[in-house]
């Protein structure tokens, strides 16, 4: 099997994404999104003290508290800088902390979620479209632009119709960046420390919204031809 074109280097940042096979939905309801959300923050850790099957048996509040304890220990395969889950794909902005960390994290995450989704929907086979894609972030400027691109995804894809609704989209790290929620599951300081205030970051994101939406329209039209 050929190796990955982009080497995954420890202490480097990557934009990681994948979509459903044939662009089919990978999230059908709130339960699916919640399962992927919790799995993401469980599997980013090297060796959680509780197996995933036992973790799932905990009440929702206890699962959240367990994830917070894991965050405090900071024994990560990857740090999660930003994310956005969309109906048929997802985006992650990651920093690899351990050698092979991204590959191990993604394998655990997608294999676990595929088993869940297939069982729930009485299906078999692959859920995701081949290997995940990973783009290395080479500059601070690129890091900022990728975070903005990820956070604008629900708007540029018309999943939310206007910017006022973007901050309410629950399956994105944007609400935490803007202080609307406070799970503290994201290592967002690498982004926010480059702005004078949270409102400055919000302006940075929102000022590009219509331009990014227009680019998505052009891309969609090109794919239809």
N, C-alpha and C. Protein backbone atom coordinates (compact mmCIF):
# COMPACT_ATOMS: atom_id res chain seq x y z
N UNK A 1 0.85 -1.18 0.00
CA UNK A 1 0.00 0.00 0.00
C UNK A 1 0.89 1.25 0.00
N UNK A 2 0.63 2.20 -0.88
CA UNK A 2 1.48 3.40 -0.94
C UNK A 2 1.39 4.21 0.34
N UNK A 3 2.51 4.86 0.68
CA UNK A 3 2.53 5.68 1.89
C UNK A 3 1.78 6.98 1.71
N UNK A 4 1.59 7.68 2.81
CA UNK A 4 0.89 8.96 2.76
C UNK A 4 1.76 10.02 2.08
N UNK A 5 1.14 10.78 1.18
CA UNK A 5 1.88 11.80 0.44
C UNK A 5 2.38 12.90 1.37
N UNK A 6 1.56 13.29 2.34
CA UNK A 6 1.95 14.31 3.31
C UNK A 6 2.42 13.63 4.59
N UNK A 7 3.70 13.72 4.95
CA UNK A 7 4.16 13.10 6.20
C UNK A 7 3.55 13.80 7.40
N UNK A 8 3.22 13.02 8.41
CA UNK A 8 2.60 13.57 9.62
C UNK A 8 3.68 13.69 10.68
N UNK A 9 4.11 14.92 10.92
CA UNK A 9 5.28 15.21 11.75
C UNK A 9 4.84 15.69 13.13
N UNK A 10 5.45 15.15 14.15
CA UNK A 10 5.12 15.54 15.52
C UNK A 10 5.44 17.02 15.75
N UNK A 11 4.53 17.67 16.49
CA UNK A 11 4.58 19.10 16.82
C UNK A 11 4.23 20.02 15.64
N UNK A 12 3.70 19.45 14.57
CA UNK A 12 3.22 20.24 13.45
C UNK A 12 1.69 20.24 13.43
N UNK A 13 1.12 21.26 12.78
CA UNK A 13 -0.33 21.42 12.68
C UNK A 13 -0.81 20.93 11.32
N UNK A 14 -2.04 20.36 11.32
CA UNK A 14 -2.62 19.82 10.09
C UNK A 14 -4.12 20.10 10.02
N UNK A 15 -4.57 20.39 8.81
CA UNK A 15 -6.00 20.42 8.52
C UNK A 15 -6.37 19.02 8.04
N UNK A 16 -7.19 18.34 8.82
CA UNK A 16 -7.56 16.95 8.56
C UNK A 16 -9.05 16.90 8.22
N UNK A 17 -9.40 16.19 7.17
CA UNK A 17 -10.79 16.11 6.77
C UNK A 17 -11.09 14.78 6.10
N UNK A 18 -12.35 14.40 6.17
CA UNK A 18 -12.84 13.24 5.44
C UNK A 18 -14.34 13.41 5.27
N UNK A 19 -14.89 12.64 4.31
CA UNK A 19 -16.32 12.72 4.04
C UNK A 19 -16.88 11.32 3.86
N UNK A 20 -18.21 11.25 3.84
CA UNK A 20 -18.86 9.97 3.64
C UNK A 20 -18.59 9.41 2.25
N UNK A 21 -18.56 8.09 2.15
CA UNK A 21 -18.35 7.45 0.86
C UNK A 21 -19.44 7.89 -0.10
N UNK A 22 -19.04 8.26 -1.31
CA UNK A 22 -19.96 8.82 -2.32
C UNK A 22 -20.66 10.07 -1.80
N UNK A 23 -20.03 10.77 -0.85
CA UNK A 23 -20.57 11.99 -0.24
C UNK A 23 -21.91 11.77 0.46
N UNK A 24 -22.15 10.54 0.90
CA UNK A 24 -23.38 10.24 1.63
C UNK A 24 -23.29 10.75 3.07
N UNK A 25 -24.44 10.98 3.72
CA UNK A 25 -24.43 11.50 5.10
C UNK A 25 -23.71 10.58 6.06
N UNK A 26 -22.96 11.18 6.97
CA UNK A 26 -22.34 10.43 8.06
C UNK A 26 -22.99 10.78 9.40
N UNK A 27 -23.78 11.85 9.40
CA UNK A 27 -24.54 12.24 10.59
C UNK A 27 -26.00 12.41 10.16
N UNK A 28 -26.90 11.70 10.84
CA UNK A 28 -28.32 11.76 10.47
C UNK A 28 -29.17 12.44 11.53
N UNK A 29 -28.67 12.51 12.77
CA UNK A 29 -29.45 13.13 13.83
C UNK A 29 -28.51 13.61 14.93
N UNK A 30 -29.09 14.23 15.95
CA UNK A 30 -28.30 14.79 17.04
C UNK A 30 -27.48 13.73 17.76
N UNK A 31 -28.04 12.55 17.89
CA UNK A 31 -27.33 11.47 18.58
C UNK A 31 -26.03 11.13 17.85
N UNK A 32 -26.06 11.15 16.51
CA UNK A 32 -24.86 10.86 15.73
C UNK A 32 -23.78 11.92 15.98
N UNK A 33 -24.19 13.18 15.90
CA UNK A 33 -23.22 14.27 16.14
C UNK A 33 -22.62 14.17 17.55
N UNK A 34 -23.48 13.89 18.52
CA UNK A 34 -23.01 13.81 19.90
C UNK A 34 -22.04 12.65 20.08
N UNK A 35 -22.33 11.55 19.41
CA UNK A 35 -21.44 10.38 19.51
C UNK A 35 -20.06 10.72 18.94
N UNK A 36 -20.03 11.37 17.78
CA UNK A 36 -18.76 11.74 17.17
C UNK A 36 -18.01 12.77 18.03
N UNK A 37 -18.76 13.71 18.60
CA UNK A 37 -18.16 14.76 19.45
C UNK A 37 -17.45 14.13 20.65
N UNK A 38 -18.17 13.28 21.37
CA UNK A 38 -17.57 12.65 22.55
C UNK A 38 -16.42 11.72 22.17
N UNK A 39 -16.58 11.00 21.06
CA UNK A 39 -15.53 10.09 20.61
C UNK A 39 -14.25 10.85 20.28
N UNK A 40 -14.40 12.02 19.67
CA UNK A 40 -13.25 12.83 19.29
C UNK A 40 -12.40 13.17 20.51
N UNK A 41 -13.05 13.60 21.58
CA UNK A 41 -12.30 14.04 22.76
C UNK A 41 -11.89 12.88 23.66
N UNK A 42 -12.49 11.72 23.44
CA UNK A 42 -12.02 10.52 24.13
C UNK A 42 -10.76 9.99 23.45
N UNK A 43 -10.81 9.83 22.13
CA UNK A 43 -9.72 9.16 21.42
C UNK A 43 -8.50 10.06 21.18
N UNK A 44 -8.60 11.35 21.48
CA UNK A 44 -7.40 12.17 21.35
C UNK A 44 -6.37 11.85 22.44
N UNK A 45 -6.79 11.12 23.46
CA UNK A 45 -5.94 10.79 24.60
C UNK A 45 -5.17 9.50 24.36
N UNK A 46 -3.98 9.41 24.96
CA UNK A 46 -3.12 8.25 24.75
C UNK A 46 -3.70 6.98 25.33
N UNK A 47 -3.94 6.96 26.65
CA UNK A 47 -4.44 5.76 27.30
C UNK A 47 -5.45 6.14 28.37
N UNK A 48 -6.70 6.39 27.96
CA UNK A 48 -7.73 6.75 28.95
C UNK A 48 -7.85 5.67 30.02
N UNK A 49 -8.11 6.09 31.25
CA UNK A 49 -8.20 5.14 32.36
C UNK A 49 -9.46 4.30 32.32
N UNK A 50 -10.39 4.66 31.46
CA UNK A 50 -11.65 3.95 31.34
C UNK A 50 -11.80 3.51 29.89
N UNK A 51 -12.14 2.24 29.67
CA UNK A 51 -12.35 1.76 28.30
C UNK A 51 -13.53 2.49 27.68
N UNK A 52 -13.54 2.53 26.35
CA UNK A 52 -14.61 3.27 25.67
C UNK A 52 -15.97 2.65 25.94
N UNK A 53 -16.05 1.34 26.03
CA UNK A 53 -17.34 0.70 26.30
C UNK A 53 -17.86 1.09 27.68
N UNK A 54 -16.94 1.19 28.66
CA UNK A 54 -17.36 1.63 30.00
C UNK A 54 -17.71 3.12 29.99
N UNK A 55 -16.96 3.89 29.25
CA UNK A 55 -17.24 5.32 29.11
C UNK A 55 -18.66 5.55 28.60
N UNK A 56 -19.08 4.77 27.62
CA UNK A 56 -20.41 4.93 27.03
C UNK A 56 -21.53 4.60 28.00
N UNK A 57 -21.24 3.79 29.00
CA UNK A 57 -22.27 3.41 29.97
C UNK A 57 -22.51 4.49 31.02
N UNK A 58 -21.63 5.48 31.08
CA UNK A 58 -21.79 6.55 32.07
C UNK A 58 -22.96 7.45 31.67
N UNK A 59 -23.63 8.07 32.64
CA UNK A 59 -24.62 9.10 32.32
C UNK A 59 -23.93 10.27 31.59
N UNK A 60 -24.70 11.03 30.83
CA UNK A 60 -24.15 12.10 29.99
C UNK A 60 -23.28 13.07 30.79
N UNK A 61 -23.75 13.47 31.97
CA UNK A 61 -22.99 14.43 32.78
C UNK A 61 -21.65 13.83 33.21
N UNK A 62 -21.66 12.55 33.57
CA UNK A 62 -20.43 11.89 34.00
C UNK A 62 -19.45 11.73 32.85
N UNK A 63 -19.98 11.50 31.64
CA UNK A 63 -19.08 11.41 30.48
C UNK A 63 -18.38 12.75 30.25
N UNK A 64 -19.12 13.83 30.39
CA UNK A 64 -18.52 15.16 30.23
C UNK A 64 -17.45 15.40 31.27
N UNK A 65 -17.72 15.04 32.51
CA UNK A 65 -16.74 15.23 33.59
C UNK A 65 -15.50 14.37 33.36
N UNK A 66 -15.70 13.16 32.86
CA UNK A 66 -14.55 12.30 32.58
C UNK A 66 -13.67 12.90 31.49
N UNK A 67 -14.30 13.45 30.45
CA UNK A 67 -13.54 14.09 29.37
C UNK A 67 -12.77 15.31 29.88
N UNK A 68 -13.37 16.05 30.80
CA UNK A 68 -12.69 17.20 31.37
C UNK A 68 -11.47 16.76 32.18
N UNK A 69 -11.57 15.65 32.88
CA UNK A 69 -10.43 15.13 33.64
C UNK A 69 -9.30 14.71 32.69
N UNK A 70 -9.67 14.10 31.57
CA UNK A 70 -8.67 13.73 30.58
C UNK A 70 -7.98 14.97 30.02
N UNK A 71 -8.75 16.03 29.80
CA UNK A 71 -8.16 17.27 29.30
C UNK A 71 -7.14 17.82 30.29
N UNK A 72 -7.47 17.75 31.57
CA UNK A 72 -6.57 18.28 32.60
C UNK A 72 -5.26 17.50 32.66
N UNK A 73 -5.30 16.20 32.32
CA UNK A 73 -4.09 15.38 32.35
C UNK A 73 -3.16 15.68 31.17
N UNK A 74 -3.73 16.14 30.06
CA UNK A 74 -2.97 16.55 28.87
C UNK A 74 -2.04 15.46 28.33
N UNK A 75 -2.49 14.22 28.36
CA UNK A 75 -1.70 13.13 27.79
C UNK A 75 -2.29 12.78 26.42
N UNK A 76 -2.00 13.65 25.46
CA UNK A 76 -2.67 13.58 24.18
C UNK A 76 -1.85 12.89 23.09
N UNK A 77 -2.57 12.28 22.15
CA UNK A 77 -2.00 11.92 20.86
C UNK A 77 -1.97 13.14 19.96
N UNK A 78 -3.05 13.92 20.05
CA UNK A 78 -3.19 15.14 19.26
C UNK A 78 -3.85 16.21 20.13
N UNK A 79 -3.55 17.45 19.84
CA UNK A 79 -4.34 18.55 20.38
C UNK A 79 -5.35 18.97 19.33
N UNK A 80 -6.55 19.27 19.78
CA UNK A 80 -7.61 19.67 18.86
C UNK A 80 -7.76 21.18 18.94
N UNK A 81 -7.41 21.85 17.87
CA UNK A 81 -7.43 23.30 17.83
C UNK A 81 -8.82 23.80 17.43
N UNK A 82 -9.40 23.18 16.43
CA UNK A 82 -10.73 23.58 15.95
C UNK A 82 -11.36 22.39 15.23
N UNK A 83 -12.69 22.43 15.12
CA UNK A 83 -13.39 21.39 14.37
C UNK A 83 -14.73 21.90 13.89
N UNK A 84 -15.26 21.18 12.92
CA UNK A 84 -16.63 21.38 12.48
C UNK A 84 -17.14 20.08 11.87
N UNK A 85 -18.29 19.62 12.35
CA UNK A 85 -18.93 18.44 11.80
C UNK A 85 -20.09 18.89 10.90
N UNK A 86 -20.11 18.41 9.68
CA UNK A 86 -21.15 18.71 8.70
C UNK A 86 -21.89 17.43 8.36
N UNK A 87 -23.06 17.52 7.73
CA UNK A 87 -23.85 16.29 7.50
C UNK A 87 -23.11 15.17 6.80
N UNK A 88 -22.24 15.50 5.82
CA UNK A 88 -21.57 14.42 5.09
C UNK A 88 -20.04 14.49 5.15
N UNK A 89 -19.50 15.36 6.02
CA UNK A 89 -18.05 15.43 6.16
C UNK A 89 -17.67 16.11 7.47
N UNK A 90 -16.37 16.11 7.77
CA UNK A 90 -15.90 16.81 8.96
C UNK A 90 -14.55 17.44 8.69
N UNK A 91 -14.25 18.48 9.46
CA UNK A 91 -12.96 19.17 9.42
C UNK A 91 -12.37 19.19 10.83
N UNK A 92 -11.07 18.93 10.92
CA UNK A 92 -10.35 19.03 12.19
C UNK A 92 -9.07 19.81 11.96
N UNK A 93 -8.74 20.68 12.90
CA UNK A 93 -7.44 21.35 12.90
C UNK A 93 -6.68 20.77 14.08
N UNK A 94 -5.63 20.02 13.80
CA UNK A 94 -4.94 19.23 14.81
C UNK A 94 -3.46 19.57 14.90
N UNK A 95 -2.92 19.38 16.09
CA UNK A 95 -1.48 19.38 16.29
C UNK A 95 -1.08 17.98 16.75
N UNK A 96 -0.15 17.36 16.05
CA UNK A 96 0.31 16.04 16.46
C UNK A 96 1.26 16.17 17.65
N UNK A 97 0.95 15.44 18.72
CA UNK A 97 1.73 15.53 19.95
C UNK A 97 2.67 14.33 20.10
N UNK A 98 2.24 13.17 19.66
CA UNK A 98 3.05 11.96 19.73
C UNK A 98 3.31 11.43 18.32
N UNK A 99 4.44 10.79 18.12
CA UNK A 99 4.71 10.18 16.82
C UNK A 99 3.56 9.25 16.43
N UNK A 100 3.11 9.38 15.19
CA UNK A 100 2.01 8.59 14.66
C UNK A 100 0.67 8.94 15.33
N UNK A 101 0.64 10.05 16.05
CA UNK A 101 -0.54 10.40 16.84
C UNK A 101 -1.78 10.64 16.00
N UNK A 102 -1.65 11.38 14.91
CA UNK A 102 -2.82 11.67 14.08
C UNK A 102 -3.36 10.39 13.46
N UNK A 103 -2.50 9.55 12.93
CA UNK A 103 -2.95 8.31 12.29
C UNK A 103 -3.67 7.41 13.28
N UNK A 104 -3.12 7.28 14.49
CA UNK A 104 -3.74 6.43 15.51
C UNK A 104 -5.07 7.03 15.97
N UNK A 105 -5.08 8.33 16.21
CA UNK A 105 -6.30 9.01 16.61
C UNK A 105 -7.39 8.84 15.56
N UNK A 106 -7.07 9.08 14.29
CA UNK A 106 -8.07 8.99 13.23
C UNK A 106 -8.56 7.56 13.04
N UNK A 107 -7.67 6.59 13.15
CA UNK A 107 -8.08 5.20 13.01
C UNK A 107 -9.06 4.82 14.11
N UNK A 108 -8.72 5.16 15.36
CA UNK A 108 -9.61 4.83 16.48
C UNK A 108 -10.96 5.54 16.34
N UNK A 109 -10.91 6.81 15.98
CA UNK A 109 -12.14 7.61 15.89
C UNK A 109 -13.05 7.10 14.78
N UNK A 110 -12.53 6.97 13.58
CA UNK A 110 -13.38 6.61 12.44
C UNK A 110 -13.83 5.15 12.50
N UNK A 111 -12.98 4.25 12.98
CA UNK A 111 -13.38 2.85 13.11
C UNK A 111 -14.50 2.70 14.14
N UNK A 112 -14.34 3.39 15.28
CA UNK A 112 -15.36 3.33 16.33
C UNK A 112 -16.68 3.91 15.83
N UNK A 113 -16.61 5.08 15.18
CA UNK A 113 -17.85 5.71 14.72
C UNK A 113 -18.50 4.88 13.60
N UNK A 114 -17.71 4.29 12.73
CA UNK A 114 -18.27 3.46 11.66
C UNK A 114 -19.02 2.27 12.23
N UNK A 115 -18.45 1.61 13.25
CA UNK A 115 -19.15 0.49 13.89
C UNK A 115 -20.48 0.94 14.48
N UNK A 116 -20.46 2.08 15.17
CA UNK A 116 -21.69 2.62 15.74
C UNK A 116 -22.73 2.92 14.65
N UNK A 117 -22.30 3.63 13.61
CA UNK A 117 -23.22 4.07 12.55
C UNK A 117 -23.79 2.87 11.79
N UNK A 118 -22.94 1.89 11.49
CA UNK A 118 -23.40 0.71 10.76
C UNK A 118 -24.39 -0.10 11.57
N UNK A 119 -24.10 -0.26 12.86
CA UNK A 119 -25.02 -1.01 13.72
C UNK A 119 -26.35 -0.29 13.83
N UNK A 120 -26.31 1.00 14.04
CA UNK A 120 -27.54 1.79 14.20
C UNK A 120 -28.40 1.75 12.94
N UNK A 121 -27.75 1.79 11.78
CA UNK A 121 -28.48 1.89 10.52
C UNK A 121 -28.55 0.57 9.74
N UNK A 122 -28.15 -0.51 10.39
CA UNK A 122 -28.22 -1.85 9.80
C UNK A 122 -27.58 -1.88 8.41
N UNK A 123 -26.35 -1.37 8.37
CA UNK A 123 -25.60 -1.36 7.12
C UNK A 123 -24.24 -2.00 7.34
N UNK A 124 -23.54 -2.32 6.26
CA UNK A 124 -22.19 -2.86 6.36
C UNK A 124 -21.30 -2.09 5.38
N UNK A 125 -20.00 -2.22 5.57
CA UNK A 125 -19.07 -1.61 4.63
C UNK A 125 -18.49 -0.31 5.13
N UNK A 126 -17.72 0.32 4.25
CA UNK A 126 -17.04 1.56 4.60
C UNK A 126 -18.05 2.70 4.75
N UNK A 127 -17.77 3.58 5.71
CA UNK A 127 -18.58 4.78 5.88
C UNK A 127 -17.86 6.00 5.31
N UNK A 128 -16.53 6.03 5.47
CA UNK A 128 -15.74 7.18 5.03
C UNK A 128 -15.05 6.90 3.69
N UNK A 129 -14.75 7.97 3.00
CA UNK A 129 -14.23 7.91 1.64
C UNK A 129 -12.71 7.75 1.65
N UNK A 130 -12.26 6.53 1.86
CA UNK A 130 -10.83 6.24 1.82
C UNK A 130 -10.07 6.86 2.98
N UNK A 131 -8.75 7.08 2.76
CA UNK A 131 -7.91 7.68 3.78
C UNK A 131 -8.34 9.12 4.05
N UNK A 132 -8.18 9.54 5.29
CA UNK A 132 -8.41 10.95 5.59
C UNK A 132 -7.37 11.80 4.86
N UNK A 133 -7.75 13.02 4.53
CA UNK A 133 -6.83 13.96 3.91
C UNK A 133 -6.19 14.81 5.00
N UNK A 134 -4.93 15.15 4.82
CA UNK A 134 -4.22 15.97 5.79
C UNK A 134 -3.35 16.98 5.04
N UNK A 135 -3.52 18.24 5.40
CA UNK A 135 -2.73 19.32 4.80
C UNK A 135 -1.90 19.96 5.91
N UNK A 136 -0.57 19.98 5.73
CA UNK A 136 0.28 20.58 6.76
C UNK A 136 0.13 22.10 6.76
N UNK A 137 0.05 22.67 7.96
CA UNK A 137 -0.01 24.12 8.13
C UNK A 137 1.42 24.64 8.24
N UNK A 138 1.82 25.51 7.34
CA UNK A 138 3.22 25.91 7.26
C UNK A 138 3.51 27.29 7.86
N UNK A 139 2.48 28.13 8.06
CA UNK A 139 2.70 29.46 8.61
C UNK A 139 1.60 29.81 9.60
N UNK A 140 1.86 30.81 10.45
CA UNK A 140 0.82 31.29 11.37
C UNK A 140 -0.37 31.84 10.60
N UNK A 141 -0.10 32.51 9.49
CA UNK A 141 -1.18 33.06 8.68
C UNK A 141 -2.08 31.95 8.14
N UNK A 142 -1.48 30.89 7.67
CA UNK A 142 -2.26 29.76 7.17
C UNK A 142 -3.09 29.14 8.29
N UNK A 143 -2.52 29.05 9.47
CA UNK A 143 -3.23 28.51 10.63
C UNK A 143 -4.50 29.31 10.90
N UNK A 144 -4.39 30.62 10.86
CA UNK A 144 -5.55 31.48 11.10
C UNK A 144 -6.60 31.29 10.00
N UNK A 145 -6.15 31.25 8.76
CA UNK A 145 -7.09 31.13 7.65
C UNK A 145 -7.82 29.78 7.67
N UNK A 146 -7.12 28.72 8.06
CA UNK A 146 -7.76 27.41 8.13
C UNK A 146 -8.79 27.39 9.25
N UNK A 147 -8.47 28.00 10.38
CA UNK A 147 -9.46 28.05 11.47
C UNK A 147 -10.71 28.80 11.01
N UNK A 148 -10.52 29.87 10.26
CA UNK A 148 -11.66 30.63 9.74
C UNK A 148 -12.45 29.79 8.74
N UNK A 149 -11.75 29.13 7.84
CA UNK A 149 -12.42 28.29 6.84
C UNK A 149 -13.28 27.23 7.53
N UNK A 150 -12.72 26.57 8.53
CA UNK A 150 -13.46 25.53 9.25
C UNK A 150 -14.69 26.11 9.93
N UNK A 151 -14.52 27.23 10.59
CA UNK A 151 -15.64 27.82 11.34
C UNK A 151 -16.73 28.39 10.44
N UNK A 152 -16.39 28.73 9.20
CA UNK A 152 -17.38 29.26 8.27
C UNK A 152 -18.11 28.17 7.49
N UNK A 153 -17.70 26.93 7.63
CA UNK A 153 -18.27 25.86 6.82
C UNK A 153 -19.80 25.77 6.84
N UNK A 154 -20.44 25.85 7.99
CA UNK A 154 -21.91 25.76 7.98
C UNK A 154 -22.57 26.91 7.21
N UNK A 155 -21.93 28.07 7.21
CA UNK A 155 -22.48 29.22 6.48
C UNK A 155 -22.20 29.11 4.99
N UNK A 156 -20.97 28.80 4.62
CA UNK A 156 -20.62 28.74 3.20
C UNK A 156 -21.35 27.60 2.50
N UNK A 157 -21.77 26.57 3.25
CA UNK A 157 -22.51 25.45 2.68
C UNK A 157 -24.03 25.63 2.80
N UNK A 158 -24.45 26.79 3.30
CA UNK A 158 -25.87 27.12 3.47
C UNK A 158 -26.58 26.21 4.47
N UNK A 159 -25.82 25.56 5.34
CA UNK A 159 -26.45 24.80 6.41
C UNK A 159 -27.11 25.76 7.40
N UNK A 160 -26.49 26.92 7.60
CA UNK A 160 -27.13 28.03 8.30
C UNK A 160 -27.25 29.17 7.30
N UNK A 161 -28.37 29.88 7.33
CA UNK A 161 -28.65 30.85 6.28
C UNK A 161 -27.98 32.20 6.50
N UNK A 162 -27.76 32.57 7.76
CA UNK A 162 -27.15 33.87 8.01
C UNK A 162 -26.14 33.77 9.14
N UNK A 163 -25.30 34.78 9.24
CA UNK A 163 -24.20 34.75 10.20
C UNK A 163 -24.67 34.75 11.65
N UNK A 164 -25.82 35.35 11.89
CA UNK A 164 -26.33 35.37 13.26
C UNK A 164 -26.62 33.96 13.77
N UNK A 165 -26.89 33.04 12.85
CA UNK A 165 -27.15 31.65 13.23
C UNK A 165 -25.88 30.82 13.32
N UNK A 166 -24.79 31.33 12.73
CA UNK A 166 -23.54 30.57 12.73
C UNK A 166 -23.03 30.33 14.14
N UNK A 167 -23.18 31.31 15.01
CA UNK A 167 -22.68 31.18 16.38
C UNK A 167 -23.52 30.19 17.19
N UNK A 168 -24.69 29.80 16.68
CA UNK A 168 -25.54 28.83 17.36
C UNK A 168 -25.30 27.41 16.86
N UNK A 169 -24.47 27.26 15.83
CA UNK A 169 -24.26 25.92 15.28
C UNK A 169 -23.49 25.10 16.32
N UNK A 170 -24.08 24.00 16.81
CA UNK A 170 -23.51 23.33 17.98
C UNK A 170 -22.37 22.36 17.69
N UNK A 171 -22.16 22.01 16.43
CA UNK A 171 -21.17 20.98 16.12
C UNK A 171 -19.91 21.60 15.54
N UNK A 172 -19.49 22.69 16.14
CA UNK A 172 -18.33 23.46 15.72
C UNK A 172 -17.65 24.00 16.97
N UNK A 173 -16.36 24.31 16.84
CA UNK A 173 -15.64 24.92 17.95
C UNK A 173 -15.86 26.43 18.03
N UNK A 174 -16.53 27.03 17.04
CA UNK A 174 -16.70 28.48 17.03
C UNK A 174 -17.38 29.01 18.30
N UNK A 175 -18.46 28.41 18.79
CA UNK A 175 -19.07 28.93 20.02
C UNK A 175 -18.10 29.03 21.19
N UNK A 176 -17.16 28.09 21.28
CA UNK A 176 -16.18 28.17 22.36
C UNK A 176 -15.17 29.29 22.10
N UNK A 177 -14.78 29.46 20.86
CA UNK A 177 -13.85 30.54 20.51
C UNK A 177 -14.45 31.90 20.86
N UNK A 178 -15.76 32.03 20.72
CA UNK A 178 -16.41 33.32 20.95
C UNK A 178 -16.94 33.46 22.38
N UNK A 179 -16.64 32.49 23.24
CA UNK A 179 -17.04 32.57 24.64
C UNK A 179 -18.50 32.26 24.89
N UNK A 180 -19.17 31.67 23.90
CA UNK A 180 -20.59 31.33 24.05
C UNK A 180 -20.74 30.04 24.83
N UNK A 181 -19.80 29.12 24.65
CA UNK A 181 -19.76 27.89 25.45
C UNK A 181 -18.37 27.77 26.06
N UNK A 182 -18.24 26.92 27.06
CA UNK A 182 -16.96 26.85 27.77
C UNK A 182 -16.62 25.42 28.18
N UNK A 183 -16.52 24.53 27.21
CA UNK A 183 -16.13 23.16 27.53
C UNK A 183 -14.63 23.07 27.82
N UNK A 184 -13.86 24.00 27.27
CA UNK A 184 -12.39 23.99 27.39
C UNK A 184 -11.77 22.73 26.79
N UNK A 185 -12.42 22.18 25.78
CA UNK A 185 -11.90 20.99 25.10
C UNK A 185 -10.94 21.34 23.96
N UNK A 186 -10.83 22.63 23.62
CA UNK A 186 -10.03 23.03 22.47
C UNK A 186 -8.80 23.82 22.92
N UNK A 187 -7.67 23.58 22.26
CA UNK A 187 -6.45 24.37 22.50
C UNK A 187 -6.51 25.58 21.56
N UNK A 188 -7.36 26.51 21.92
CA UNK A 188 -7.67 27.64 21.02
C UNK A 188 -6.75 28.83 21.20
N UNK A 189 -5.89 28.81 22.22
CA UNK A 189 -5.04 29.97 22.50
C UNK A 189 -4.07 30.25 21.35
N UNK A 190 -3.62 29.21 20.65
CA UNK A 190 -2.70 29.40 19.54
C UNK A 190 -3.32 30.30 18.47
N UNK A 191 -4.65 30.31 18.38
CA UNK A 191 -5.36 31.17 17.45
C UNK A 191 -5.69 32.51 18.10
N UNK A 192 -6.35 32.46 19.24
CA UNK A 192 -6.86 33.69 19.86
C UNK A 192 -5.76 34.61 20.35
N UNK A 193 -4.60 34.07 20.69
CA UNK A 193 -3.50 34.92 21.15
C UNK A 193 -2.97 35.83 20.05
N UNK A 194 -3.37 35.58 18.82
CA UNK A 194 -2.93 36.42 17.70
C UNK A 194 -3.92 37.56 17.42
N UNK A 195 -4.91 37.71 18.31
CA UNK A 195 -5.90 38.78 18.16
C UNK A 195 -5.99 39.59 19.46
N UNK A 196 -6.39 40.83 19.33
CA UNK A 196 -6.50 41.70 20.50
C UNK A 196 -7.62 41.27 21.43
N UNK A 197 -8.67 40.68 20.84
CA UNK A 197 -9.84 40.31 21.64
C UNK A 197 -10.62 39.23 20.90
N UNK A 198 -11.57 38.64 21.61
CA UNK A 198 -12.46 37.66 20.98
C UNK A 198 -13.27 38.31 19.86
N UNK A 199 -13.71 39.53 20.08
CA UNK A 199 -14.48 40.22 19.04
C UNK A 199 -13.64 40.47 17.79
N UNK A 200 -12.33 40.65 17.96
CA UNK A 200 -11.45 40.81 16.80
C UNK A 200 -11.39 39.52 15.98
N UNK A 201 -11.36 38.39 16.68
CA UNK A 201 -11.37 37.12 15.95
C UNK A 201 -12.70 36.92 15.24
N UNK A 202 -13.79 37.26 15.91
CA UNK A 202 -15.11 37.13 15.27
C UNK A 202 -15.18 37.98 14.00
N UNK A 203 -14.66 39.18 14.07
CA UNK A 203 -14.64 40.05 12.89
C UNK A 203 -13.79 39.43 11.78
N UNK A 204 -12.65 38.87 12.15
CA UNK A 204 -11.77 38.21 11.19
C UNK A 204 -12.52 37.09 10.46
N UNK A 205 -13.30 36.33 11.20
CA UNK A 205 -14.06 35.22 10.60
C UNK A 205 -15.21 35.75 9.76
N UNK A 206 -16.02 36.63 10.32
CA UNK A 206 -17.25 37.06 9.65
C UNK A 206 -16.98 37.91 8.42
N UNK A 207 -15.89 38.67 8.42
CA UNK A 207 -15.61 39.54 7.27
C UNK A 207 -15.35 38.75 5.99
N UNK A 208 -14.98 37.49 6.12
CA UNK A 208 -14.68 36.67 4.96
C UNK A 208 -15.86 35.79 4.55
N UNK A 209 -16.97 35.87 5.29
CA UNK A 209 -18.05 34.89 5.14
C UNK A 209 -18.66 34.86 3.74
N UNK A 210 -19.04 36.00 3.21
CA UNK A 210 -19.70 36.01 1.91
C UNK A 210 -18.75 35.61 0.79
N UNK A 211 -17.49 36.00 0.91
CA UNK A 211 -16.50 35.61 -0.09
C UNK A 211 -16.32 34.09 -0.10
N UNK A 212 -16.21 33.49 1.08
CA UNK A 212 -16.05 32.04 1.15
C UNK A 212 -17.29 31.33 0.62
N UNK A 213 -18.46 31.88 0.90
CA UNK A 213 -19.70 31.28 0.39
C UNK A 213 -19.72 31.33 -1.14
N UNK A 214 -19.28 32.44 -1.72
CA UNK A 214 -19.27 32.55 -3.18
C UNK A 214 -18.29 31.55 -3.79
N UNK A 215 -17.14 31.34 -3.15
CA UNK A 215 -16.19 30.35 -3.64
C UNK A 215 -16.78 28.94 -3.61
N UNK A 216 -17.54 28.64 -2.56
CA UNK A 216 -18.17 27.32 -2.46
C UNK A 216 -19.19 27.13 -3.57
N UNK A 217 -19.93 28.21 -3.93
CA UNK A 217 -20.89 28.13 -5.02
C UNK A 217 -20.20 27.84 -6.35
N UNK A 218 -19.09 28.52 -6.58
CA UNK A 218 -18.33 28.32 -7.82
C UNK A 218 -17.81 26.88 -7.90
N UNK A 219 -17.28 26.39 -6.77
CA UNK A 219 -16.78 25.02 -6.72
C UNK A 219 -17.90 24.02 -7.02
N UNK A 220 -19.07 24.27 -6.45
CA UNK A 220 -20.21 23.37 -6.64
C UNK A 220 -20.65 23.35 -8.10
N UNK A 221 -20.71 24.53 -8.72
CA UNK A 221 -21.10 24.61 -10.12
C UNK A 221 -20.09 23.91 -11.02
N UNK A 222 -18.82 24.05 -10.69
CA UNK A 222 -17.77 23.43 -11.49
C UNK A 222 -17.87 21.90 -11.42
N UNK A 223 -18.20 21.38 -10.25
CA UNK A 223 -18.32 19.94 -10.08
C UNK A 223 -19.52 19.37 -10.83
N UNK A 224 -20.56 20.22 -11.06
CA UNK A 224 -21.76 19.75 -11.75
C UNK A 224 -21.56 19.67 -13.25
N UNK A 225 -20.55 20.37 -13.78
CA UNK A 225 -20.34 20.39 -15.24
C UNK A 225 -19.69 19.10 -15.73
